[in-house]
């Protein structure tokens, strides 16, 4: 169970780092990303940090569309380096 929770936390950290990467590449602030997707600033901040933050596929897809990237890019472990 512990290993499962570590893997689960790890995937959310990968997603968060990749969202941050693409957001910064586009020159978009956390606030702009949050407002465009009807989310709170704190949600985006937690998502992009090492804080464990879950996200629905629907919300992830909306963020991907807004950032102009394929949703699969958010799951790429090598993409965040």
C-alpha atoms as a PDB file:
ATOM      1  CA  UNK A   1       0.000   0.000   0.000  1.00  0.00           C
ATOM      2  CA  UNK A   2       2.852   2.382   0.848  1.00  0.00           C
ATOM      3  CA  UNK A   3       4.485   1.821  -2.562  1.00  0.00           C
ATOM      4  CA  UNK A   4       1.132   2.510  -4.282  1.00  0.00           C
ATOM      5  CA  UNK A   5       0.758   5.805  -2.407  1.00  0.00           C
ATOM      6  CA  UNK A   6       4.324   6.810  -3.309  1.00  0.00           C
ATOM      7  CA  UNK A   7       3.654   6.088  -6.993  1.00  0.00           C
ATOM      8  CA  UNK A   8       0.377   7.977  -6.836  1.00  0.00           C
ATOM      9  CA  UNK A   9       2.054  10.994  -5.236  1.00  0.00           C
ATOM     10  CA  UNK A  10       4.878  10.793  -7.769  1.00  0.00           C
ATOM     11  CA  UNK A  11       2.538  10.985 -10.796  1.00  0.00           C
ATOM     12  CA  UNK A  12       0.853  14.088  -9.388  1.00  0.00           C
ATOM     13  CA  UNK A  13       4.280  15.679  -8.853  1.00  0.00           C
ATOM     14  CA  UNK A  14       5.234  14.881 -12.463  1.00  0.00           C
ATOM     15  CA  UNK A  15       1.976  16.372 -13.725  1.00  0.00           C
ATOM     16  CA  UNK A  16       2.461  19.491 -11.609  1.00  0.00           C
ATOM     17  CA  UNK A  17       6.047  20.039 -12.751  1.00  0.00           C
ATOM     18  CA  UNK A  18       5.019  19.657 -16.385  1.00  0.00           C
ATOM     19  CA  UNK A  19       2.092  22.048 -16.045  1.00  0.00           C
ATOM     20  CA  UNK A  20       4.466  24.589 -14.508  1.00  0.00           C
ATOM     21  CA  UNK A  21       6.979  24.040 -17.308  1.00  0.00           C
ATOM     22  CA  UNK A  22       4.454  24.634 -20.089  1.00  0.00           C
ATOM     23  CA  UNK A  23       2.803  27.515 -18.264  1.00  0.00           C
ATOM     24  CA  UNK A  24       6.146  29.295 -17.919  1.00  0.00           C
ATOM     25  CA  UNK A  25       7.044  28.579 -21.559  1.00  0.00           C
ATOM     26  CA  UNK A  26       3.851  30.392 -22.562  1.00  0.00           C
ATOM     27  CA  UNK A  27       4.587  33.295 -20.217  1.00  0.00           C
ATOM     28  CA  UNK A  28       1.364  32.708 -18.285  1.00  0.00           C
ATOM     29  CA  UNK A  29       1.055  33.385 -14.548  1.00  0.00           C
ATOM     30  CA  UNK A  30      -0.549  30.977 -12.106  1.00  0.00           C
ATOM     31  CA  UNK A  31      -3.372  33.475 -11.678  1.00  0.00           C
ATOM     32  CA  UNK A  32      -4.017  33.655 -15.441  1.00  0.00           C
ATOM     33  CA  UNK A  33      -4.071  29.866 -15.691  1.00  0.00           C
ATOM     34  CA  UNK A  34      -6.399  29.620 -12.701  1.00  0.00           C
ATOM     35  CA  UNK A  35      -8.827  32.288 -13.931  1.00  0.00           C
ATOM     36  CA  UNK A  36      -8.979  30.883 -17.465  1.00  0.00           C
ATOM     37  CA  UNK A  37      -9.966  27.482 -16.079  1.00  0.00           C
ATOM     38  CA  UNK A  38     -12.231  28.677 -13.231  1.00  0.00           C
ATOM     39  CA  UNK A  39      -9.809  27.409 -10.594  1.00  0.00           C
ATOM     40  CA  UNK A  40      -8.289  29.072  -7.547  1.00  0.00           C
ATOM     41  CA  UNK A  41      -4.766  30.461  -7.488  1.00  0.00           C
ATOM     42  CA  UNK A  42      -3.991  28.231  -4.518  1.00  0.00           C
ATOM     43  CA  UNK A  43      -5.103  25.120  -6.437  1.00  0.00           C
ATOM     44  CA  UNK A  44      -2.612  25.884  -9.222  1.00  0.00           C
ATOM     45  CA  UNK A  45       0.118  26.700  -6.696  1.00  0.00           C
ATOM     46  CA  UNK A  46      -0.432  23.397  -4.876  1.00  0.00           C
ATOM     47  CA  UNK A  47      -0.619  21.496  -8.151  1.00  0.00           C
ATOM     48  CA  UNK A  48       2.746  22.874  -9.263  1.00  0.00           C
ATOM     49  CA  UNK A  49       4.459  22.334  -5.911  1.00  0.00           C
ATOM     50  CA  UNK A  50       5.475  19.118  -4.211  1.00  0.00           C
ATOM     51  CA  UNK A  51       2.251  19.275  -2.216  1.00  0.00           C
ATOM     52  CA  UNK A  52       0.042  16.299  -3.023  1.00  0.00           C
ATOM     53  CA  UNK A  53      -2.832  17.694  -5.073  1.00  0.00           C
ATOM     54  CA  UNK A  54      -5.265  15.608  -7.109  1.00  0.00           C
ATOM     55  CA  UNK A  55      -6.733  16.788 -10.391  1.00  0.00           C
ATOM     56  CA  UNK A  56      -9.530  15.436 -12.567  1.00  0.00           C
ATOM     57  CA  UNK A  57      -8.918  14.404 -16.153  1.00  0.00           C
ATOM     58  CA  UNK A  58     -11.474  16.993 -17.293  1.00  0.00           C
ATOM     59  CA  UNK A  59      -9.602  19.799 -15.547  1.00  0.00           C
ATOM     60  CA  UNK A  60      -6.271  18.501 -16.802  1.00  0.00           C
ATOM     61  CA  UNK A  61      -7.633  18.485 -20.344  1.00  0.00           C
ATOM     62  CA  UNK A  62      -8.860  22.089 -20.001  1.00  0.00           C
ATOM     63  CA  UNK A  63      -5.429  23.176 -18.794  1.00  0.00           C
ATOM     64  CA  UNK A  64      -3.747  21.318 -21.669  1.00  0.00           C
ATOM     65  CA  UNK A  65      -6.016  23.011 -24.207  1.00  0.00           C
ATOM     66  CA  UNK A  66      -5.388  26.418 -22.658  1.00  0.00           C
ATOM     67  CA  UNK A  67      -1.620  25.850 -22.726  1.00  0.00           C
ATOM     68  CA  UNK A  68      -1.762  24.423 -26.256  1.00  0.00           C
ATOM     69  CA  UNK A  69      -0.162  21.083 -25.399  1.00  0.00           C
ATOM     70  CA  UNK A  70      -1.273  17.489 -25.703  1.00  0.00           C
ATOM     71  CA  UNK A  71      -2.504  16.181 -22.342  1.00  0.00           C
ATOM     72  CA  UNK A  72      -0.082  13.242 -22.591  1.00  0.00           C
ATOM     73  CA  UNK A  73       2.852  15.671 -22.193  1.00  0.00           C
ATOM     74  CA  UNK A  74       1.834  16.182 -18.559  1.00  0.00           C
ATOM     75  CA  UNK A  75       2.602  12.522 -17.769  1.00  0.00           C
ATOM     76  CA  UNK A  76       6.107  12.459 -19.282  1.00  0.00           C
ATOM     77  CA  UNK A  77       8.700  11.972 -16.551  1.00  0.00           C
ATOM     78  CA  UNK A  78      11.566  13.042 -18.822  1.00  0.00           C
ATOM     79  CA  UNK A  79       9.656  16.111 -19.978  1.00  0.00           C
ATOM     80  CA  UNK A  80      10.091  17.940 -16.689  1.00  0.00           C
ATOM     81  CA  UNK A  81      13.875  18.133 -16.832  1.00  0.00           C
END
